[in-house]
Each structure stands twice: as structure tokens, then as C-alpha cells.
N, C-alpha and C. Protein backbone atom coordinates (compact mmCIF):
# COMPACT_ATOMS: atom_id res chain seq x y z
N MET A 1 -7.41 196.96 25.76
CA MET A 1 -7.87 195.93 24.85
C MET A 1 -6.93 194.72 24.87
N ALA A 2 -5.60 194.98 24.92
CA ALA A 2 -4.64 193.87 24.96
C ALA A 2 -4.84 193.03 26.22
N ARG A 3 -5.09 193.67 27.35
CA ARG A 3 -5.33 192.93 28.59
C ARG A 3 -6.58 192.06 28.46
N LEU A 4 -7.63 192.60 27.82
CA LEU A 4 -8.85 191.84 27.63
C LEU A 4 -8.58 190.61 26.78
N HIS A 5 -7.79 190.78 25.70
CA HIS A 5 -7.47 189.63 24.84
C HIS A 5 -6.67 188.58 25.61
N ALA A 6 -5.70 189.01 26.40
CA ALA A 6 -4.91 188.08 27.21
C ALA A 6 -5.81 187.36 28.20
N LEU A 7 -6.74 188.09 28.81
CA LEU A 7 -7.67 187.48 29.76
C LEU A 7 -8.55 186.45 29.06
N VAL A 8 -9.02 186.77 27.86
CA VAL A 8 -9.83 185.82 27.11
C VAL A 8 -9.01 184.57 26.80
N LEU A 9 -7.76 184.73 26.39
CA LEU A 9 -6.92 183.57 26.11
C LEU A 9 -6.75 182.70 27.35
N VAL A 10 -6.50 183.33 28.50
CA VAL A 10 -6.29 182.58 29.74
C VAL A 10 -7.58 181.90 30.18
N LEU A 11 -8.72 182.57 30.01
CA LEU A 11 -9.99 181.98 30.42
C LEU A 11 -10.44 180.87 29.49
N VAL A 12 -10.12 180.95 28.21
CA VAL A 12 -10.53 179.94 27.26
C VAL A 12 -9.69 178.67 27.41
N LEU A 13 -8.47 178.79 27.91
CA LEU A 13 -7.57 177.64 28.02
C LEU A 13 -8.21 176.45 28.71
N PRO A 14 -8.82 176.59 29.90
CA PRO A 14 -9.39 175.42 30.53
C PRO A 14 -10.52 174.80 29.72
N LEU A 15 -11.19 175.57 28.89
CA LEU A 15 -12.31 175.07 28.11
C LEU A 15 -11.89 174.46 26.79
N SER A 16 -10.73 174.86 26.30
CA SER A 16 -10.35 174.45 24.96
C SER A 16 -9.95 172.99 24.88
N GLY A 17 -9.31 172.46 25.92
CA GLY A 17 -8.86 171.09 25.89
C GLY A 17 -7.78 170.84 24.87
N CYS A 18 -7.22 171.89 24.31
CA CYS A 18 -6.21 171.76 23.26
C CYS A 18 -4.85 171.53 23.87
N ASN A 19 -4.07 170.74 23.21
CA ASN A 19 -2.69 170.54 23.58
C ASN A 19 -1.87 170.95 22.38
N LEU A 20 -1.03 171.94 22.54
CA LEU A 20 -0.28 172.47 21.42
C LEU A 20 0.55 171.40 20.73
N ARG A 21 1.05 170.42 21.49
CA ARG A 21 1.84 169.38 20.88
C ARG A 21 1.01 168.56 19.90
N ASP A 22 -0.32 168.45 20.11
CA ASP A 22 -1.18 167.76 19.16
C ASP A 22 -1.23 168.51 17.83
N ARG A 23 -1.02 169.81 17.88
CA ARG A 23 -1.05 170.62 16.68
C ARG A 23 0.33 170.74 16.05
N GLY A 24 1.38 170.33 16.75
CA GLY A 24 2.72 170.32 16.20
C GLY A 24 3.60 171.48 16.58
N LEU A 25 3.06 172.51 17.26
CA LEU A 25 3.86 173.66 17.61
C LEU A 25 3.95 173.77 19.13
N VAL A 26 5.15 173.93 19.67
CA VAL A 26 5.35 174.06 21.11
C VAL A 26 6.32 175.18 21.41
N ILE A 27 6.17 175.76 22.61
CA ILE A 27 7.23 176.62 23.14
C ILE A 27 8.29 175.65 23.63
N ASN A 28 9.46 175.74 23.05
CA ASN A 28 10.51 174.76 23.30
C ASN A 28 11.57 175.23 24.28
N GLU A 29 11.81 176.55 24.32
CA GLU A 29 12.84 177.09 25.19
C GLU A 29 12.57 178.56 25.47
N VAL A 30 12.83 178.99 26.71
CA VAL A 30 12.64 180.38 27.11
C VAL A 30 13.84 180.82 27.92
N MET A 31 14.36 182.02 27.62
CA MET A 31 15.40 182.63 28.44
C MET A 31 14.90 184.01 28.86
N ALA A 32 14.99 184.28 30.18
CA ALA A 32 14.45 185.52 30.73
C ALA A 32 15.51 186.51 31.21
N SER A 33 16.77 186.11 31.22
CA SER A 33 17.82 187.02 31.66
C SER A 33 19.11 186.66 30.92
N ASN A 34 19.23 187.20 29.72
CA ASN A 34 20.33 186.88 28.82
C ASN A 34 21.52 187.81 29.03
N ASP A 35 22.65 187.23 29.37
CA ASP A 35 23.88 188.01 29.51
C ASP A 35 24.95 187.39 28.61
N ASN A 36 24.86 187.71 27.32
CA ASN A 36 25.84 187.28 26.33
C ASN A 36 25.75 185.80 25.96
N ALA A 37 24.59 185.15 26.23
CA ALA A 37 24.42 183.74 25.86
C ALA A 37 23.94 183.59 24.42
N TRP A 38 23.21 184.59 23.92
CA TRP A 38 22.67 184.56 22.56
C TRP A 38 22.48 186.00 22.10
N HIS A 39 22.70 186.25 20.82
CA HIS A 39 22.55 187.59 20.27
C HIS A 39 21.55 187.58 19.11
N ASP A 40 20.71 188.60 19.08
CA ASP A 40 19.77 188.73 17.97
C ASP A 40 20.51 189.28 16.75
N GLU A 41 19.77 189.55 15.67
CA GLU A 41 20.39 190.03 14.44
C GLU A 41 20.99 191.42 14.56
N TRP A 42 20.70 192.13 15.65
CA TRP A 42 21.28 193.46 15.90
C TRP A 42 22.52 193.36 16.80
N GLY A 43 22.89 192.14 17.18
CA GLY A 43 24.05 191.94 18.05
C GLY A 43 23.74 192.17 19.52
N GLU A 44 22.45 192.25 19.87
CA GLU A 44 22.05 192.51 21.26
C GLU A 44 21.72 191.20 21.96
N ASP A 45 22.10 191.10 23.23
CA ASP A 45 21.79 189.90 24.01
C ASP A 45 20.45 190.13 24.71
N GLU A 46 19.40 189.55 24.15
CA GLU A 46 18.02 189.76 24.58
C GLU A 46 17.39 188.46 25.07
N ASP A 47 16.29 188.61 25.81
CA ASP A 47 15.48 187.46 26.20
C ASP A 47 14.93 186.84 24.92
N TYR A 48 14.58 185.54 24.99
CA TYR A 48 14.01 184.92 23.80
C TYR A 48 13.03 183.82 24.16
N ILE A 49 12.20 183.51 23.16
CA ILE A 49 11.28 182.39 23.20
C ILE A 49 11.52 181.62 21.91
N GLU A 50 11.74 180.33 22.04
CA GLU A 50 11.95 179.48 20.88
C GLU A 50 10.72 178.60 20.71
N VAL A 51 10.12 178.61 19.52
CA VAL A 51 9.02 177.69 19.22
C VAL A 51 9.54 176.62 18.28
N ALA A 52 9.01 175.40 18.43
CA ALA A 52 9.45 174.27 17.62
C ALA A 52 8.27 173.62 16.93
N ASN A 53 8.48 173.19 15.70
CA ASN A 53 7.46 172.45 14.95
C ASN A 53 7.75 170.96 15.12
N THR A 54 6.88 170.28 15.86
CA THR A 54 7.04 168.83 16.07
C THR A 54 6.15 168.02 15.13
N ALA A 55 5.43 168.68 14.23
CA ALA A 55 4.55 167.99 13.28
C ALA A 55 5.36 167.40 12.13
N ASP A 56 4.69 166.60 11.32
CA ASP A 56 5.34 166.03 10.14
C ASP A 56 5.07 166.87 8.89
N HIS A 57 4.57 168.09 9.11
CA HIS A 57 4.28 169.01 8.01
C HIS A 57 4.66 170.43 8.44
N ALA A 58 4.82 171.30 7.48
CA ALA A 58 5.16 172.69 7.78
C ALA A 58 3.96 173.38 8.45
N ILE A 59 4.26 174.35 9.32
CA ILE A 59 3.24 175.12 10.01
C ILE A 59 3.48 176.59 9.72
N ARG A 60 2.41 177.29 9.30
CA ARG A 60 2.50 178.74 9.08
C ARG A 60 2.24 179.41 10.42
N LEU A 61 3.22 180.20 10.90
CA LEU A 61 3.14 180.83 12.22
C LEU A 61 2.24 182.06 12.26
N GLY A 62 1.94 182.65 11.12
CA GLY A 62 1.23 183.93 11.05
C GLY A 62 -0.09 184.01 11.77
N GLY A 63 -0.77 182.91 11.97
CA GLY A 63 -2.05 182.94 12.67
C GLY A 63 -1.93 182.88 14.17
N TYR A 64 -0.76 182.59 14.68
CA TYR A 64 -0.56 182.44 16.12
C TYR A 64 -0.24 183.78 16.78
N VAL A 65 -0.61 183.90 18.05
CA VAL A 65 -0.27 185.08 18.84
C VAL A 65 0.38 184.61 20.13
N ILE A 66 1.17 185.50 20.73
CA ILE A 66 1.77 185.20 22.03
C ILE A 66 1.55 186.41 22.94
N THR A 67 1.22 186.11 24.19
CA THR A 67 0.90 187.13 25.18
C THR A 67 1.69 186.84 26.44
N ASP A 68 2.12 187.89 27.14
CA ASP A 68 2.77 187.70 28.44
C ASP A 68 1.82 188.10 29.55
N SER A 69 2.27 188.02 30.79
CA SER A 69 1.40 188.30 31.93
C SER A 69 0.97 189.76 32.02
N SER A 70 1.67 190.65 31.34
CA SER A 70 1.28 192.07 31.34
C SER A 70 0.09 192.32 30.41
N GLY A 71 -0.21 191.33 29.56
CA GLY A 71 -1.29 191.49 28.59
C GLY A 71 -0.82 191.97 27.24
N LYS A 72 0.49 192.24 27.10
CA LYS A 72 1.00 192.65 25.79
C LYS A 72 0.96 191.45 24.86
N ARG A 73 0.56 191.69 23.63
CA ARG A 73 0.28 190.62 22.68
C ARG A 73 0.99 190.90 21.36
N ALA A 74 1.43 189.83 20.71
CA ALA A 74 2.05 189.97 19.40
C ALA A 74 1.62 188.83 18.50
N ARG A 75 1.34 189.15 17.26
CA ARG A 75 1.09 188.13 16.25
C ARG A 75 2.45 187.62 15.77
N LEU A 76 2.58 186.31 15.63
CA LEU A 76 3.85 185.76 15.16
C LEU A 76 4.02 186.10 13.68
N PRO A 77 5.27 186.18 13.23
CA PRO A 77 5.54 186.50 11.82
C PRO A 77 4.92 185.46 10.89
N ASP A 78 4.53 185.88 9.71
CA ASP A 78 3.91 184.99 8.74
C ASP A 78 5.00 184.24 7.97
N VAL A 79 5.61 183.28 8.66
CA VAL A 79 6.65 182.45 8.05
C VAL A 79 6.22 180.99 8.16
N GLU A 80 6.72 180.19 7.25
CA GLU A 80 6.43 178.76 7.28
C GLU A 80 7.58 178.06 8.00
N LEU A 81 7.24 177.33 9.06
CA LEU A 81 8.25 176.62 9.85
C LEU A 81 8.22 175.15 9.45
N PRO A 82 9.30 174.66 8.83
CA PRO A 82 9.35 173.26 8.39
C PRO A 82 9.33 172.29 9.58
N PRO A 83 8.95 171.05 9.35
CA PRO A 83 8.94 170.05 10.43
C PRO A 83 10.32 169.91 11.05
N GLY A 84 10.35 169.81 12.38
CA GLY A 84 11.61 169.62 13.09
C GLY A 84 12.43 170.88 13.30
N GLU A 85 11.98 172.00 12.77
CA GLU A 85 12.73 173.25 12.88
C GLU A 85 12.24 174.09 14.05
N VAL A 86 13.08 175.06 14.47
CA VAL A 86 12.72 175.99 15.53
C VAL A 86 12.76 177.41 14.98
N TYR A 87 12.01 178.31 15.65
CA TYR A 87 11.98 179.71 15.26
C TYR A 87 12.19 180.54 16.51
N MET A 88 13.08 181.52 16.42
CA MET A 88 13.43 182.36 17.55
C MET A 88 12.59 183.63 17.56
N LEU A 89 11.96 183.91 18.71
CA LEU A 89 11.26 185.16 18.95
C LEU A 89 12.07 185.94 19.97
N VAL A 90 12.27 187.22 19.72
CA VAL A 90 13.09 188.06 20.58
C VAL A 90 12.18 188.86 21.51
N ALA A 91 12.28 188.59 22.81
CA ALA A 91 11.45 189.27 23.81
C ALA A 91 12.22 190.47 24.36
N ASP A 92 12.22 191.56 23.57
CA ASP A 92 13.03 192.73 23.90
C ASP A 92 12.25 194.03 24.00
N ALA A 93 10.92 193.95 23.90
CA ALA A 93 10.08 195.16 23.93
C ALA A 93 10.45 196.15 22.83
N ALA A 94 10.90 195.64 21.70
CA ALA A 94 11.31 196.49 20.59
C ALA A 94 10.78 195.93 19.26
N PRO A 95 9.44 195.87 19.09
CA PRO A 95 8.89 195.30 17.86
C PRO A 95 9.28 196.06 16.60
N GLU A 96 9.72 197.30 16.75
CA GLU A 96 10.15 198.07 15.59
C GLU A 96 11.44 197.52 14.99
N GLN A 97 12.14 196.63 15.70
CA GLN A 97 13.39 196.06 15.18
C GLN A 97 13.17 194.91 14.20
N GLY A 98 11.95 194.42 14.08
CA GLY A 98 11.69 193.36 13.11
C GLY A 98 10.53 192.48 13.53
N PRO A 99 10.04 191.65 12.60
CA PRO A 99 8.84 190.87 12.85
C PRO A 99 8.97 189.81 13.95
N GLN A 100 10.16 189.36 14.25
CA GLN A 100 10.34 188.37 15.30
C GLN A 100 10.54 189.01 16.68
N HIS A 101 10.56 190.34 16.74
CA HIS A 101 10.74 191.07 18.00
C HIS A 101 9.39 191.32 18.65
N LEU A 102 9.26 190.94 19.91
CA LEU A 102 8.00 191.03 20.65
C LEU A 102 7.90 192.34 21.42
N PRO A 103 6.67 192.78 21.76
CA PRO A 103 6.49 194.04 22.47
C PRO A 103 6.67 193.93 23.98
N PHE A 104 7.28 192.85 24.44
CA PHE A 104 7.48 192.66 25.88
C PHE A 104 8.80 191.93 26.14
N ARG A 105 9.24 192.04 27.38
CA ARG A 105 10.38 191.26 27.89
C ARG A 105 9.82 190.18 28.80
N ILE A 106 10.61 189.19 29.10
CA ILE A 106 10.20 188.14 30.03
C ILE A 106 10.81 188.46 31.39
N SER A 107 10.02 188.44 32.43
CA SER A 107 10.54 188.75 33.76
C SER A 107 11.39 187.59 34.29
N SER A 108 12.59 187.89 34.74
CA SER A 108 13.45 186.85 35.32
C SER A 108 12.95 186.40 36.68
N LEU A 109 11.97 187.13 37.24
CA LEU A 109 11.37 186.74 38.52
C LEU A 109 10.21 185.78 38.33
N GLY A 110 9.87 185.48 37.07
CA GLY A 110 8.76 184.59 36.74
C GLY A 110 7.76 185.32 35.87
N ASP A 111 7.14 184.61 34.96
CA ASP A 111 6.21 185.22 34.02
C ASP A 111 5.26 184.13 33.53
N VAL A 112 4.26 184.53 32.80
CA VAL A 112 3.32 183.60 32.17
C VAL A 112 3.27 183.95 30.69
N LEU A 113 3.44 182.95 29.85
CA LEU A 113 3.33 183.13 28.40
C LEU A 113 2.14 182.31 27.92
N VAL A 114 1.32 182.91 27.07
CA VAL A 114 0.17 182.21 26.50
C VAL A 114 0.32 182.27 24.99
N LEU A 115 0.30 181.09 24.35
CA LEU A 115 0.35 180.99 22.90
C LEU A 115 -1.06 180.68 22.42
N GLY A 116 -1.57 181.50 21.52
CA GLY A 116 -2.92 181.31 21.00
C GLY A 116 -2.90 181.01 19.52
N ASP A 117 -3.94 180.28 19.07
CA ASP A 117 -4.01 179.93 17.66
C ASP A 117 -4.82 180.95 16.86
N ALA A 118 -4.97 180.70 15.59
CA ALA A 118 -5.66 181.62 14.69
C ALA A 118 -7.13 181.80 15.03
N HIS A 119 -7.70 180.89 15.80
CA HIS A 119 -9.11 180.96 16.16
C HIS A 119 -9.32 181.63 17.51
N GLY A 120 -8.24 182.09 18.14
CA GLY A 120 -8.35 182.77 19.42
C GLY A 120 -8.30 181.85 20.62
N PHE A 121 -8.03 180.57 20.41
CA PHE A 121 -7.94 179.63 21.52
C PHE A 121 -6.52 179.61 22.09
N ALA A 122 -6.44 179.60 23.40
CA ALA A 122 -5.14 179.44 24.05
C ALA A 122 -4.78 177.97 23.93
N VAL A 123 -3.68 177.68 23.27
CA VAL A 123 -3.28 176.30 23.07
C VAL A 123 -2.10 175.90 23.95
N GLU A 124 -1.47 176.87 24.58
CA GLU A 124 -0.45 176.57 25.58
C GLU A 124 -0.32 177.75 26.53
N ARG A 125 -0.30 177.42 27.80
CA ARG A 125 -0.05 178.41 28.85
C ARG A 125 1.18 177.92 29.60
N LEU A 126 2.22 178.71 29.59
CA LEU A 126 3.49 178.31 30.16
C LEU A 126 3.84 179.22 31.32
N GLU A 127 3.96 178.66 32.51
CA GLU A 127 4.41 179.44 33.66
C GLU A 127 5.93 179.33 33.73
N VAL A 128 6.57 180.45 33.48
CA VAL A 128 8.03 180.51 33.51
C VAL A 128 8.44 180.83 34.94
N PRO A 129 9.21 179.96 35.59
CA PRO A 129 9.64 180.24 36.96
C PRO A 129 10.73 181.30 36.99
N ALA A 130 11.09 181.75 38.16
CA ALA A 130 12.25 182.64 38.29
C ALA A 130 13.46 181.90 37.73
N LEU A 131 14.22 182.57 36.89
CA LEU A 131 15.39 181.96 36.26
C LEU A 131 16.62 182.82 36.51
N ALA A 132 17.73 182.17 36.79
CA ALA A 132 19.01 182.86 36.98
C ALA A 132 19.50 183.41 35.65
N ILE A 133 20.51 184.24 35.69
CA ILE A 133 21.13 184.78 34.48
C ILE A 133 21.60 183.63 33.60
N ASN A 134 21.21 183.67 32.33
CA ASN A 134 21.55 182.69 31.29
C ASN A 134 20.92 181.31 31.50
N ALA A 135 20.06 181.15 32.50
CA ALA A 135 19.34 179.89 32.67
C ALA A 135 18.12 179.91 31.74
N THR A 136 17.67 178.73 31.37
CA THR A 136 16.54 178.60 30.46
C THR A 136 15.52 177.62 31.03
N LEU A 137 14.34 177.67 30.47
CA LEU A 137 13.32 176.65 30.68
C LEU A 137 13.20 175.96 29.33
N GLN A 138 13.48 174.64 29.30
CA GLN A 138 13.55 173.90 28.03
C GLN A 138 12.78 172.60 28.12
N ARG A 139 12.37 172.10 26.95
CA ARG A 139 11.77 170.76 26.86
C ARG A 139 12.87 169.74 26.59
N PHE A 140 12.80 168.65 27.34
CA PHE A 140 13.73 167.53 27.14
C PHE A 140 12.92 166.24 27.07
N PRO A 141 13.03 165.45 25.97
CA PRO A 141 13.78 165.78 24.76
C PRO A 141 13.14 166.96 24.03
N SER A 142 13.92 167.55 23.18
CA SER A 142 13.52 168.76 22.47
C SER A 142 12.18 168.60 21.78
N GLY A 143 11.28 169.57 22.05
CA GLY A 143 9.99 169.61 21.38
C GLY A 143 8.93 168.70 21.94
N LYS A 144 9.30 167.69 22.70
CA LYS A 144 8.33 166.69 23.11
C LYS A 144 8.23 166.45 24.60
N GLY A 145 9.28 166.67 25.32
CA GLY A 145 9.33 166.25 26.71
C GLY A 145 8.84 167.28 27.70
N ALA A 146 9.09 166.94 28.96
CA ALA A 146 8.73 167.82 30.07
C ALA A 146 9.66 169.03 30.08
N LEU A 147 9.21 170.07 30.75
CA LEU A 147 10.02 171.28 30.88
C LEU A 147 10.97 171.15 32.06
N ALA A 148 12.17 171.67 31.90
CA ALA A 148 13.16 171.66 32.97
C ALA A 148 13.98 172.94 32.91
N ALA A 149 14.30 173.47 34.08
CA ALA A 149 15.22 174.61 34.14
C ALA A 149 16.62 174.07 33.88
N CYS A 150 17.39 174.81 33.11
CA CYS A 150 18.72 174.33 32.71
C CYS A 150 19.66 175.51 32.57
N ASP A 151 20.91 175.34 32.95
CA ASP A 151 21.86 176.44 32.81
C ASP A 151 22.67 176.36 31.52
N GLN A 152 22.27 175.49 30.60
CA GLN A 152 22.92 175.38 29.30
C GLN A 152 21.92 175.73 28.22
N ALA A 153 21.97 176.94 27.69
CA ALA A 153 21.06 177.38 26.65
C ALA A 153 21.38 176.70 25.32
N SER A 154 20.35 176.51 24.50
CA SER A 154 20.55 175.95 23.16
C SER A 154 19.69 176.71 22.15
N PRO A 155 19.82 178.03 22.09
CA PRO A 155 18.96 178.81 21.20
C PRO A 155 19.16 178.47 19.73
N GLY A 156 18.03 178.29 19.03
CA GLY A 156 18.09 178.05 17.60
C GLY A 156 18.45 176.64 17.20
N ARG A 157 18.55 175.73 18.15
CA ARG A 157 18.88 174.34 17.82
C ARG A 157 18.18 173.41 18.81
N ALA A 158 18.19 172.12 18.50
CA ALA A 158 17.52 171.14 19.34
C ALA A 158 18.11 171.12 20.74
N ASN A 159 17.27 170.89 21.74
CA ASN A 159 17.72 170.89 23.14
C ASN A 159 18.42 169.61 23.55
N GLY A 160 18.28 168.56 22.80
CA GLY A 160 18.88 167.29 23.17
C GLY A 160 17.93 166.48 24.03
N ALA A 161 18.45 165.39 24.61
CA ALA A 161 17.63 164.47 25.39
C ALA A 161 17.50 164.87 26.85
N ALA A 162 18.50 165.59 27.36
CA ALA A 162 18.49 165.98 28.78
C ALA A 162 19.35 167.23 28.96
N CYS A 163 19.10 167.94 30.06
CA CYS A 163 19.90 169.12 30.37
C CYS A 163 21.32 168.69 30.71
N GLN A 164 22.29 169.33 30.10
CA GLN A 164 23.68 169.03 30.39
C GLN A 164 24.26 169.93 31.47
N GLY A 165 23.45 170.91 31.92
CA GLY A 165 23.89 171.83 32.96
C GLY A 165 23.80 171.22 34.34
N ALA A 166 24.50 171.80 35.28
CA ALA A 166 24.56 171.28 36.65
C ALA A 166 23.25 171.45 37.41
N ALA A 167 22.56 172.56 37.22
CA ALA A 167 21.36 172.84 38.00
C ALA A 167 20.13 172.74 37.12
N SER A 168 19.37 171.66 37.26
CA SER A 168 18.12 171.55 36.53
C SER A 168 17.03 171.09 37.49
N SER A 169 15.81 171.51 37.18
CA SER A 169 14.67 171.06 37.97
C SER A 169 13.49 170.91 37.06
N LYS A 170 12.65 169.92 37.31
CA LYS A 170 11.49 169.64 36.47
C LYS A 170 10.38 170.62 36.73
N HIS A 171 9.64 170.93 35.69
CA HIS A 171 8.44 171.74 35.77
C HIS A 171 7.38 171.01 34.98
N GLY A 172 6.15 171.39 35.12
CA GLY A 172 5.06 170.74 34.41
C GLY A 172 5.26 170.81 32.91
N SER A 173 4.75 169.82 32.21
CA SER A 173 4.85 169.84 30.76
C SER A 173 3.51 170.16 30.14
N GLY A 174 3.55 170.86 29.04
CA GLY A 174 2.34 171.16 28.30
C GLY A 174 1.47 172.18 28.99
N PRO A 175 0.25 172.29 28.49
CA PRO A 175 -0.64 173.31 29.00
C PRO A 175 -1.16 172.98 30.39
N ARG A 176 -1.49 174.01 31.14
CA ARG A 176 -2.08 173.84 32.46
C ARG A 176 -3.58 174.07 32.33
N HIS A 177 -4.33 173.31 33.08
CA HIS A 177 -5.78 173.42 33.01
C HIS A 177 -6.37 173.79 34.35
N ASP A 178 -5.69 174.64 35.12
CA ASP A 178 -6.24 175.04 36.40
C ASP A 178 -6.47 176.53 36.48
């Protein structure tokens, strides 16, 4: 059933015409191979997905879902994210550890993340490229810009205007419609 839902999200994306940034919520940063760069509330260094509210109003995350390429799906916690703030999701395949913990990990060899809204529409499909240990895929400027691979993580805070790390490369911004 989870695979079917992920497939529906991926198939609806080209038809939806939605851009998550128009709604105010974006995937702002992703880390797929964490080695002591960031720790969750249990003190574990786990993969993460950071979502950012770029709207001028608070957004309730509870209606959103996130799916990875394996088809595993999680409803986001029912928290209100104020404008300009970020929320950390822990991709550790341990949802029993808390509401922000997802039932999947992100593959460091590359993965696909789909963020869906409360109506079942895929509002962002993000292709995560292969990432080195502690490298991230981030938006520059934070929340609004194009995605770039960067070796300087900024979990839980704004990404800044540009990657400060030595190795960065541009990737497509926003949802893909192919």
C-alpha cells in the first residue's frame, strides 16, 4: 500500500502544477551520510531532512507526508512552523523514537524524496544525488534558491546566501515535471 501511495504521489506531480515554494514550505536541506555533523535528541548522528517555511504565515505540518524511493511514507508531525523557521526530520528508520523520526534512511548513493500535501498532491519531488560523508544538498539562498551540493552542513538554521564549502555543484531547483 505504501508503494502505491508513493507511486500516486509521483504520478500526480506532473499533473498538479504545484510549486511548494508557492505554498511556503520547501525541503531546504538534506544529509544522506552523517558522521558526527549533527545529532538528534538521542545523541545519534543520523541522516536528516530540513523543511523551511518561506511563507509570511505559520504552516501546520500535520497534513503533509514525505515518501522516499522505497515507497516508505510518513506523515509529518502536527506542529505549527512559524514563518522563516525550519523543522528537522530525522531519516533514521526509527519512527518509534519520536514524531520527527521517519521510517526510512536516505541513500548516500542517491534517492528521491516526495513531499505531499494534505490533499494527496505531490508538491515537491527532490532527486538527491550521491553525496559524500557529511555533504548536504541545500537551497541557496536558504528556502528560496537553487539546490547545490555543499560540504558545509547547516542543520536547524538558515543556509545563508551561498555554500561556504569547497566542493559545491548546482542541481535543479524546485519540483521536477518530467
